[in-house]
Amino acid sequence: MIAHTSPGMTGHTTAADALARAGAETVMGGTSEQIAGAVHAMATAAGSEALGPLPAVSSTVGGSTVVALAAILTFFVAVGLSIVVTYQVVQGYRQTRARPFLFLAVGIFLLAPAPMLLRFVLANATSVPFAVRSLTAAGAELLGLLCILYTVYQR
């Protein structure tokens, strides 16, 4: 928010005050490009006059904190459950040593927890482009489906 002194209170209006009033609407409801343009215009037009501290520009994307926390919690629960299912199938393979159980376990892992973890790690730990993240996760899902199909159609 831009704070300025009202002309009625001080008896005079500075260029910074006039610019602040004119740009306040843009800063309060504009996009980041509009805000940057308004701040630049105010600083340029004020010339040698001191504007004082520039307004802090912040925006919130994604809704409330409760919704964000619920989404994160749901993500980790889904990853945990998919790892539990994969573990149970691995236990079945260890007991029977049947090769289809092994391919089923690998398929389930590549279909559920692997793409979720890849998306999470690649999006947060490195600066990997979106296309690479999407293709990597989709490739893991495809390999998982192929492993499961191999299990289903194996004779």
N, C-alpha and C. Protein backbone atom coordinates (compact mmCIF):
# COMPACT_ATOMS: atom_id res chain seq x y z
N MET A 1 0.85 -1.16 0.00
CA MET A 1 0.00 0.00 0.00
C MET A 1 0.90 1.23 0.00
N ILE A 2 0.49 2.23 -0.75
CA ILE A 2 1.24 3.47 -0.82
C ILE A 2 0.69 4.41 0.23
N ALA A 3 1.56 4.89 1.08
CA ALA A 3 1.15 5.84 2.11
C ALA A 3 1.60 7.22 1.68
N HIS A 4 0.72 8.20 1.77
CA HIS A 4 1.10 9.56 1.44
C HIS A 4 0.35 10.52 2.35
N THR A 5 0.85 11.72 2.43
CA THR A 5 0.23 12.73 3.27
C THR A 5 -0.85 13.44 2.47
N SER A 6 -1.98 13.59 3.07
CA SER A 6 -3.09 14.28 2.41
C SER A 6 -2.77 15.75 2.27
N PRO A 7 -3.10 16.37 1.10
CA PRO A 7 -2.82 17.79 0.93
C PRO A 7 -3.56 18.65 1.93
N GLY A 8 -4.72 18.24 2.38
CA GLY A 8 -5.48 19.01 3.34
C GLY A 8 -4.80 19.07 4.69
N MET A 9 -3.97 18.08 4.99
CA MET A 9 -3.32 18.02 6.29
C MET A 9 -2.06 18.87 6.33
N THR A 10 -1.36 18.96 5.21
CA THR A 10 -0.10 19.68 5.22
C THR A 10 -0.20 21.03 4.54
N GLY A 11 -1.20 21.25 3.74
CA GLY A 11 -1.35 22.52 3.07
C GLY A 11 -0.70 22.56 1.70
N HIS A 12 0.03 21.54 1.30
CA HIS A 12 0.64 21.53 -0.03
C HIS A 12 0.66 20.11 -0.58
N THR A 13 0.76 20.00 -1.89
CA THR A 13 0.80 18.70 -2.56
C THR A 13 2.11 18.59 -3.31
N THR A 14 2.82 17.51 -3.07
CA THR A 14 4.07 17.28 -3.79
C THR A 14 3.79 16.42 -5.00
N ALA A 15 4.75 16.37 -5.92
CA ALA A 15 4.62 15.51 -7.10
C ALA A 15 4.49 14.06 -6.68
N ALA A 16 5.22 13.68 -5.64
CA ALA A 16 5.14 12.30 -5.16
C ALA A 16 3.74 11.97 -4.65
N ASP A 17 3.09 12.95 -3.96
CA ASP A 17 1.73 12.73 -3.47
C ASP A 17 0.77 12.54 -4.62
N ALA A 18 0.87 13.40 -5.62
CA ALA A 18 -0.03 13.30 -6.77
C ALA A 18 0.17 11.98 -7.51
N LEU A 19 1.42 11.62 -7.71
CA LEU A 19 1.69 10.35 -8.38
C LEU A 19 1.23 9.16 -7.55
N ALA A 20 1.39 9.24 -6.25
CA ALA A 20 0.96 8.15 -5.39
C ALA A 20 -0.55 7.96 -5.47
N ARG A 21 -1.29 9.06 -5.47
CA ARG A 21 -2.74 8.94 -5.59
C ARG A 21 -3.13 8.39 -6.94
N ALA A 22 -2.47 8.84 -7.99
CA ALA A 22 -2.82 8.39 -9.34
C ALA A 22 -2.47 6.92 -9.54
N GLY A 23 -1.38 6.48 -8.92
CA GLY A 23 -0.94 5.10 -9.14
C GLY A 23 -1.44 4.12 -8.10
N ALA A 24 -2.10 4.60 -7.06
CA ALA A 24 -2.52 3.72 -5.97
C ALA A 24 -3.47 2.64 -6.45
N GLU A 25 -4.41 3.01 -7.34
CA GLU A 25 -5.36 2.02 -7.83
C GLU A 25 -4.65 0.93 -8.62
N THR A 26 -3.68 1.31 -9.43
CA THR A 26 -2.93 0.32 -10.20
C THR A 26 -2.16 -0.60 -9.28
N VAL A 27 -1.50 -0.05 -8.27
CA VAL A 27 -0.69 -0.85 -7.37
C VAL A 27 -1.57 -1.78 -6.55
N MET A 28 -2.72 -1.31 -6.13
CA MET A 28 -3.57 -2.12 -5.27
C MET A 28 -4.23 -3.28 -6.01
N GLY A 29 -4.57 -3.12 -7.28
CA GLY A 29 -5.30 -4.19 -7.94
C GLY A 29 -4.70 -4.65 -9.24
N GLY A 30 -3.51 -4.24 -9.56
CA GLY A 30 -2.94 -4.56 -10.85
C GLY A 30 -2.09 -5.82 -10.83
N THR A 31 -1.68 -6.22 -12.01
CA THR A 31 -0.77 -7.35 -12.15
C THR A 31 0.63 -6.90 -11.76
N SER A 32 1.54 -7.85 -11.66
CA SER A 32 2.90 -7.48 -11.26
C SER A 32 3.56 -6.58 -12.29
N GLU A 33 3.23 -6.75 -13.58
CA GLU A 33 3.79 -5.88 -14.61
C GLU A 33 3.23 -4.46 -14.47
N GLN A 34 1.93 -4.34 -14.18
CA GLN A 34 1.32 -3.03 -14.00
C GLN A 34 1.89 -2.34 -12.76
N ILE A 35 2.09 -3.10 -11.71
CA ILE A 35 2.64 -2.54 -10.48
C ILE A 35 4.05 -2.04 -10.72
N ALA A 36 4.87 -2.85 -11.38
CA ALA A 36 6.25 -2.44 -11.67
C ALA A 36 6.25 -1.18 -12.53
N GLY A 37 5.36 -1.10 -13.51
CA GLY A 37 5.27 0.08 -14.36
C GLY A 37 4.85 1.31 -13.57
N ALA A 38 3.88 1.15 -12.67
CA ALA A 38 3.42 2.28 -11.87
C ALA A 38 4.51 2.78 -10.93
N VAL A 39 5.23 1.85 -10.30
CA VAL A 39 6.31 2.25 -9.40
C VAL A 39 7.42 2.94 -10.18
N HIS A 40 7.75 2.43 -11.37
CA HIS A 40 8.79 3.06 -12.20
C HIS A 40 8.35 4.45 -12.63
N ALA A 41 7.09 4.60 -13.02
CA ALA A 41 6.58 5.92 -13.45
C ALA A 41 6.61 6.90 -12.30
N MET A 42 6.24 6.44 -11.11
CA MET A 42 6.26 7.34 -9.95
C MET A 42 7.68 7.77 -9.63
N ALA A 43 8.61 6.85 -9.67
CA ALA A 43 10.00 7.19 -9.34
C ALA A 43 10.59 8.12 -10.39
N THR A 44 10.28 7.89 -11.67
CA THR A 44 10.81 8.71 -12.74
C THR A 44 10.22 10.12 -12.69
N ALA A 45 8.91 10.23 -12.51
CA ALA A 45 8.25 11.53 -12.53
C ALA A 45 8.60 12.37 -11.31
N ALA A 46 8.88 11.73 -10.19
CA ALA A 46 9.20 12.46 -8.98
C ALA A 46 10.55 13.15 -9.10
N GLY A 47 11.38 12.66 -9.98
CA GLY A 47 12.68 13.28 -10.21
C GLY A 47 13.52 13.28 -8.96
N SER A 48 13.87 14.47 -8.49
CA SER A 48 14.77 14.56 -7.36
C SER A 48 14.03 14.45 -6.02
N GLU A 49 12.68 14.49 -6.04
CA GLU A 49 11.94 14.39 -4.78
C GLU A 49 12.07 12.97 -4.23
N ALA A 50 12.22 12.87 -2.96
CA ALA A 50 12.32 11.55 -2.33
C ALA A 50 10.92 10.96 -2.20
N LEU A 51 10.77 9.74 -2.65
CA LEU A 51 9.49 9.05 -2.53
C LEU A 51 9.34 8.39 -1.18
N GLY A 52 10.40 8.29 -0.44
CA GLY A 52 10.33 7.53 0.80
C GLY A 52 10.43 6.05 0.46
N PRO A 53 10.06 5.21 1.39
CA PRO A 53 10.15 3.78 1.13
C PRO A 53 9.15 3.36 0.05
N LEU A 54 9.62 2.52 -0.87
CA LEU A 54 8.74 2.01 -1.91
C LEU A 54 7.78 1.01 -1.31
N PRO A 55 6.59 0.86 -1.89
CA PRO A 55 5.61 -0.07 -1.33
C PRO A 55 6.08 -1.51 -1.50
N ALA A 56 5.78 -2.31 -0.50
CA ALA A 56 6.07 -3.74 -0.60
C ALA A 56 4.98 -4.38 -1.43
N VAL A 57 5.38 -5.09 -2.45
CA VAL A 57 4.43 -5.74 -3.34
C VAL A 57 4.43 -7.22 -3.04
N SER A 58 3.30 -7.74 -2.67
CA SER A 58 3.19 -9.17 -2.43
C SER A 58 1.85 -9.64 -2.94
N SER A 59 1.83 -10.88 -3.34
CA SER A 59 0.57 -11.48 -3.78
C SER A 59 0.53 -12.92 -3.32
N THR A 60 -0.67 -13.42 -3.15
CA THR A 60 -0.86 -14.79 -2.73
C THR A 60 -1.50 -15.55 -3.87
N VAL A 61 -0.92 -16.69 -4.17
CA VAL A 61 -1.45 -17.53 -5.23
C VAL A 61 -1.77 -18.89 -4.63
N GLY A 62 -2.95 -19.42 -4.93
CA GLY A 62 -3.24 -20.77 -4.52
C GLY A 62 -4.28 -20.90 -3.43
N GLY A 63 -4.83 -19.84 -2.95
CA GLY A 63 -5.88 -19.94 -1.98
C GLY A 63 -5.38 -19.89 -0.56
N SER A 64 -6.22 -20.38 0.34
CA SER A 64 -5.93 -20.26 1.77
C SER A 64 -4.86 -21.25 2.21
N THR A 65 -4.31 -20.99 3.37
CA THR A 65 -3.29 -21.85 3.95
C THR A 65 -3.87 -23.22 4.26
N VAL A 66 -5.10 -23.28 4.71
CA VAL A 66 -5.73 -24.56 5.04
C VAL A 66 -5.82 -25.45 3.81
N VAL A 67 -6.20 -24.87 2.69
CA VAL A 67 -6.31 -25.65 1.44
C VAL A 67 -4.93 -26.14 1.01
N ALA A 68 -3.93 -25.28 1.13
CA ALA A 68 -2.58 -25.68 0.75
C ALA A 68 -2.07 -26.80 1.64
N LEU A 69 -2.28 -26.70 2.94
CA LEU A 69 -1.85 -27.76 3.85
C LEU A 69 -2.60 -29.06 3.60
N ALA A 70 -3.89 -28.97 3.28
CA ALA A 70 -4.66 -30.17 2.97
C ALA A 70 -4.13 -30.84 1.70
N ALA A 71 -3.76 -30.05 0.70
CA ALA A 71 -3.21 -30.60 -0.53
C ALA A 71 -1.87 -31.29 -0.28
N ILE A 72 -1.02 -30.68 0.52
CA ILE A 72 0.27 -31.28 0.83
C ILE A 72 0.09 -32.56 1.63
N LEU A 73 -0.79 -32.54 2.60
CA LEU A 73 -1.07 -33.73 3.41
C LEU A 73 -1.62 -34.85 2.53
N THR A 74 -2.54 -34.53 1.65
CA THR A 74 -3.11 -35.53 0.75
C THR A 74 -2.05 -36.13 -0.15
N PHE A 75 -1.14 -35.30 -0.64
CA PHE A 75 -0.05 -35.78 -1.49
C PHE A 75 0.79 -36.81 -0.75
N PHE A 76 1.22 -36.48 0.48
CA PHE A 76 2.08 -37.39 1.22
C PHE A 76 1.34 -38.66 1.65
N VAL A 77 0.06 -38.57 1.95
CA VAL A 77 -0.73 -39.77 2.26
C VAL A 77 -0.82 -40.67 1.03
N ALA A 78 -1.05 -40.08 -0.14
CA ALA A 78 -1.13 -40.88 -1.38
C ALA A 78 0.20 -41.56 -1.68
N VAL A 79 1.30 -40.84 -1.50
CA VAL A 79 2.63 -41.45 -1.71
C VAL A 79 2.83 -42.59 -0.72
N GLY A 80 2.50 -42.36 0.54
CA GLY A 80 2.67 -43.39 1.57
C GLY A 80 1.84 -44.63 1.28
N LEU A 81 0.59 -44.44 0.90
CA LEU A 81 -0.27 -45.60 0.60
C LEU A 81 0.23 -46.37 -0.62
N SER A 82 0.70 -45.67 -1.63
CA SER A 82 1.20 -46.38 -2.81
C SER A 82 2.48 -47.14 -2.49
N ILE A 83 3.29 -46.63 -1.58
CA ILE A 83 4.49 -47.37 -1.16
C ILE A 83 4.10 -48.60 -0.34
N VAL A 84 3.07 -48.48 0.50
CA VAL A 84 2.58 -49.63 1.27
C VAL A 84 2.07 -50.72 0.33
N VAL A 85 1.30 -50.35 -0.68
CA VAL A 85 0.79 -51.34 -1.66
C VAL A 85 1.96 -52.01 -2.38
N THR A 86 2.93 -51.22 -2.80
CA THR A 86 4.11 -51.79 -3.46
C THR A 86 4.85 -52.74 -2.53
N TYR A 87 4.99 -52.38 -1.27
CA TYR A 87 5.67 -53.24 -0.30
C TYR A 87 4.93 -54.56 -0.12
N GLN A 88 3.61 -54.52 -0.08
CA GLN A 88 2.83 -55.75 0.07
C GLN A 88 3.02 -56.68 -1.13
N VAL A 89 3.09 -56.12 -2.31
CA VAL A 89 3.32 -56.94 -3.50
C VAL A 89 4.74 -57.52 -3.49
N VAL A 90 5.71 -56.76 -3.01
CA VAL A 90 7.08 -57.27 -2.88
C VAL A 90 7.11 -58.42 -1.86
N GLN A 91 6.38 -58.30 -0.78
CA GLN A 91 6.29 -59.39 0.20
C GLN A 91 5.70 -60.65 -0.45
N GLY A 92 4.70 -60.47 -1.29
CA GLY A 92 4.14 -61.61 -2.02
C GLY A 92 5.17 -62.25 -2.94
N TYR A 93 5.99 -61.45 -3.58
CA TYR A 93 7.06 -61.98 -4.43
C TYR A 93 8.08 -62.75 -3.59
N ARG A 94 8.44 -62.22 -2.43
CA ARG A 94 9.43 -62.89 -1.59
C ARG A 94 8.93 -64.25 -1.10
N GLN A 95 7.63 -64.34 -0.84
CA GLN A 95 7.07 -65.61 -0.35
C GLN A 95 6.95 -66.65 -1.46
N THR A 96 6.57 -66.22 -2.64
CA THR A 96 6.29 -67.17 -3.72
C THR A 96 7.41 -67.28 -4.75
N ARG A 97 8.24 -66.28 -4.84
CA ARG A 97 9.28 -66.18 -5.88
C ARG A 97 8.69 -66.28 -7.29
N ALA A 98 7.43 -65.89 -7.42
CA ALA A 98 6.76 -65.89 -8.72
C ALA A 98 7.12 -64.59 -9.45
N ARG A 99 7.63 -64.75 -10.65
CA ARG A 99 8.10 -63.60 -11.41
C ARG A 99 7.00 -62.56 -11.67
N PRO A 100 5.74 -62.95 -11.89
CA PRO A 100 4.70 -61.94 -12.10
C PRO A 100 4.55 -60.97 -10.93
N PHE A 101 4.77 -61.45 -9.69
CA PHE A 101 4.70 -60.55 -8.54
C PHE A 101 5.79 -59.47 -8.62
N LEU A 102 6.96 -59.86 -9.09
CA LEU A 102 8.04 -58.90 -9.21
C LEU A 102 7.69 -57.81 -10.22
N PHE A 103 7.19 -58.21 -11.38
CA PHE A 103 6.81 -57.22 -12.39
C PHE A 103 5.63 -56.37 -11.93
N LEU A 104 4.72 -56.97 -11.18
CA LEU A 104 3.60 -56.21 -10.64
C LEU A 104 4.09 -55.17 -9.63
N ALA A 105 5.03 -55.56 -8.77
CA ALA A 105 5.57 -54.62 -7.79
C ALA A 105 6.30 -53.47 -8.48
N VAL A 106 7.12 -53.78 -9.47
CA VAL A 106 7.83 -52.74 -10.21
C VAL A 106 6.83 -51.84 -10.94
N GLY A 107 5.81 -52.44 -11.54
CA GLY A 107 4.80 -51.67 -12.26
C GLY A 107 4.03 -50.72 -11.36
N ILE A 108 3.63 -51.23 -10.19
CA ILE A 108 2.90 -50.36 -9.26
C ILE A 108 3.79 -49.23 -8.78
N PHE A 109 5.06 -49.53 -8.48
CA PHE A 109 5.97 -48.49 -8.03
C PHE A 109 6.17 -47.43 -9.11
N LEU A 110 6.35 -47.86 -10.37
CA LEU A 110 6.57 -46.90 -11.46
C LEU A 110 5.29 -46.14 -11.83
N LEU A 111 4.15 -46.72 -11.52
CA LEU A 111 2.89 -46.07 -11.86
C LEU A 111 2.45 -45.04 -10.82
N ALA A 112 2.72 -45.30 -9.55
CA ALA A 112 2.20 -44.39 -8.53
C ALA A 112 3.28 -43.59 -7.79
N PRO A 113 4.06 -44.20 -6.89
CA PRO A 113 4.96 -43.33 -6.09
C PRO A 113 6.11 -42.72 -6.88
N ALA A 114 6.66 -43.42 -7.85
CA ALA A 114 7.81 -42.88 -8.59
C ALA A 114 7.47 -41.57 -9.32
N PRO A 115 6.38 -41.51 -10.11
CA PRO A 115 6.07 -40.23 -10.77
C PRO A 115 5.74 -39.11 -9.79
N MET A 116 5.08 -39.45 -8.69
CA MET A 116 4.74 -38.43 -7.69
C MET A 116 6.02 -37.85 -7.08
N LEU A 117 6.93 -38.74 -6.72
CA LEU A 117 8.19 -38.27 -6.13
C LEU A 117 9.05 -37.54 -7.14
N LEU A 118 9.05 -38.01 -8.39
CA LEU A 118 9.81 -37.31 -9.44
C LEU A 118 9.29 -35.90 -9.63
N ARG A 119 7.98 -35.75 -9.72
CA ARG A 119 7.41 -34.41 -9.88
C ARG A 119 7.78 -33.51 -8.70
N PHE A 120 7.70 -34.06 -7.51
CA PHE A 120 8.00 -33.28 -6.31
C PHE A 120 9.47 -32.87 -6.28
N VAL A 121 10.36 -33.82 -6.49
CA VAL A 121 11.80 -33.53 -6.40
C VAL A 121 12.24 -32.62 -7.54
N LEU A 122 11.82 -32.93 -8.77
CA LEU A 122 12.28 -32.13 -9.91
C LEU A 122 11.72 -30.72 -9.88
N ALA A 123 10.54 -30.55 -9.32
CA ALA A 123 9.95 -29.20 -9.26
C ALA A 123 10.55 -28.36 -8.14
N ASN A 124 11.01 -28.99 -7.07
CA ASN A 124 11.45 -28.23 -5.91
C ASN A 124 12.96 -28.21 -5.69
N ALA A 125 13.67 -29.23 -6.13
CA ALA A 125 15.10 -29.31 -5.82
C ALA A 125 15.99 -28.75 -6.92
N THR A 126 15.52 -28.76 -8.13
CA THR A 126 16.36 -28.30 -9.24
C THR A 126 15.55 -27.38 -10.15
N SER A 127 16.24 -26.80 -11.10
CA SER A 127 15.56 -25.92 -12.07
C SER A 127 15.36 -26.66 -13.39
N VAL A 128 14.67 -27.78 -13.32
CA VAL A 128 14.39 -28.58 -14.50
C VAL A 128 13.18 -27.98 -15.21
N PRO A 129 13.24 -27.83 -16.54
CA PRO A 129 12.09 -27.28 -17.28
C PRO A 129 10.84 -28.16 -17.11
N PHE A 130 9.70 -27.51 -17.24
CA PHE A 130 8.41 -28.20 -17.08
C PHE A 130 8.28 -29.38 -18.03
N ALA A 131 8.70 -29.23 -19.27
CA ALA A 131 8.57 -30.30 -20.26
C ALA A 131 9.36 -31.53 -19.84
N VAL A 132 10.55 -31.34 -19.31
CA VAL A 132 11.38 -32.47 -18.87
C VAL A 132 10.74 -33.16 -17.68
N ARG A 133 10.21 -32.37 -16.73
CA ARG A 133 9.53 -32.96 -15.57
C ARG A 133 8.33 -33.79 -16.02
N SER A 134 7.54 -33.24 -16.92
CA SER A 134 6.34 -33.94 -17.39
C SER A 134 6.70 -35.21 -18.14
N LEU A 135 7.69 -35.12 -19.02
CA LEU A 135 8.08 -36.31 -19.79
C LEU A 135 8.70 -37.38 -18.91
N THR A 136 9.47 -37.00 -17.92
CA THR A 136 10.06 -37.98 -17.01
C THR A 136 8.98 -38.71 -16.22
N ALA A 137 8.04 -37.98 -15.67
CA ALA A 137 6.95 -38.60 -14.91
C ALA A 137 6.07 -39.46 -15.81
N ALA A 138 5.75 -38.96 -16.99
CA ALA A 138 4.93 -39.74 -17.92
C ALA A 138 5.67 -41.00 -18.38
N GLY A 139 6.98 -40.92 -18.56
CA GLY A 139 7.78 -42.09 -18.93
C GLY A 139 7.76 -43.15 -17.84
N ALA A 140 7.86 -42.73 -16.58
CA ALA A 140 7.79 -43.68 -15.47
C ALA A 140 6.42 -44.34 -15.43
N GLU A 141 5.37 -43.56 -15.63
CA GLU A 141 4.01 -44.13 -15.64
C GLU A 141 3.84 -45.12 -16.78
N LEU A 142 4.36 -44.79 -17.94
CA LEU A 142 4.27 -45.69 -19.09
C LEU A 142 5.00 -47.00 -18.82
N LEU A 143 6.21 -46.93 -18.27
CA LEU A 143 6.94 -48.15 -17.94
C LEU A 143 6.20 -48.97 -16.89
N GLY A 144 5.58 -48.30 -15.92
CA GLY A 144 4.79 -49.00 -14.92
C GLY A 144 3.61 -49.73 -15.52
N LEU A 145 2.91 -49.08 -16.43
CA LEU A 145 1.78 -49.73 -17.10
C LEU A 145 2.24 -50.91 -17.95
N LEU A 146 3.38 -50.76 -18.61
CA LEU A 146 3.91 -51.87 -19.41
C LEU A 146 4.29 -53.06 -18.53
N CYS A 147 4.85 -52.82 -17.38
CA CYS A 147 5.17 -53.91 -16.45
C CYS A 147 3.91 -54.61 -15.97
N ILE A 148 2.89 -53.85 -15.66
CA ILE A 148 1.63 -54.45 -15.21
C ILE A 148 0.98 -55.23 -16.35
N LEU A 149 1.00 -54.67 -17.55
CA LEU A 149 0.44 -55.40 -18.70
C LEU A 149 1.23 -56.69 -18.96
N TYR A 150 2.53 -56.67 -18.81
CA TYR A 150 3.34 -57.87 -18.97
C TYR A 150 2.90 -58.93 -17.97
N THR A 151 2.62 -58.50 -16.73
CA THR A 151 2.16 -59.43 -15.70
C THR A 151 0.81 -60.03 -16.06
N VAL A 152 -0.08 -59.20 -16.55
CA VAL A 152 -1.44 -59.65 -16.87
C VAL A 152 -1.43 -60.62 -18.04
N TYR A 153 -0.64 -60.35 -19.08
CA TYR A 153 -0.66 -61.17 -20.30
C TYR A 153 0.41 -62.25 -20.34
N GLN A 154 1.22 -62.37 -19.29
CA GLN A 154 2.23 -63.41 -19.27
C GLN A 154 1.57 -64.77 -19.12
N ARG A 155 2.08 -65.74 -19.86
CA ARG A 155 1.48 -67.11 -19.80
C ARG A 155 2.38 -68.04 -19.09
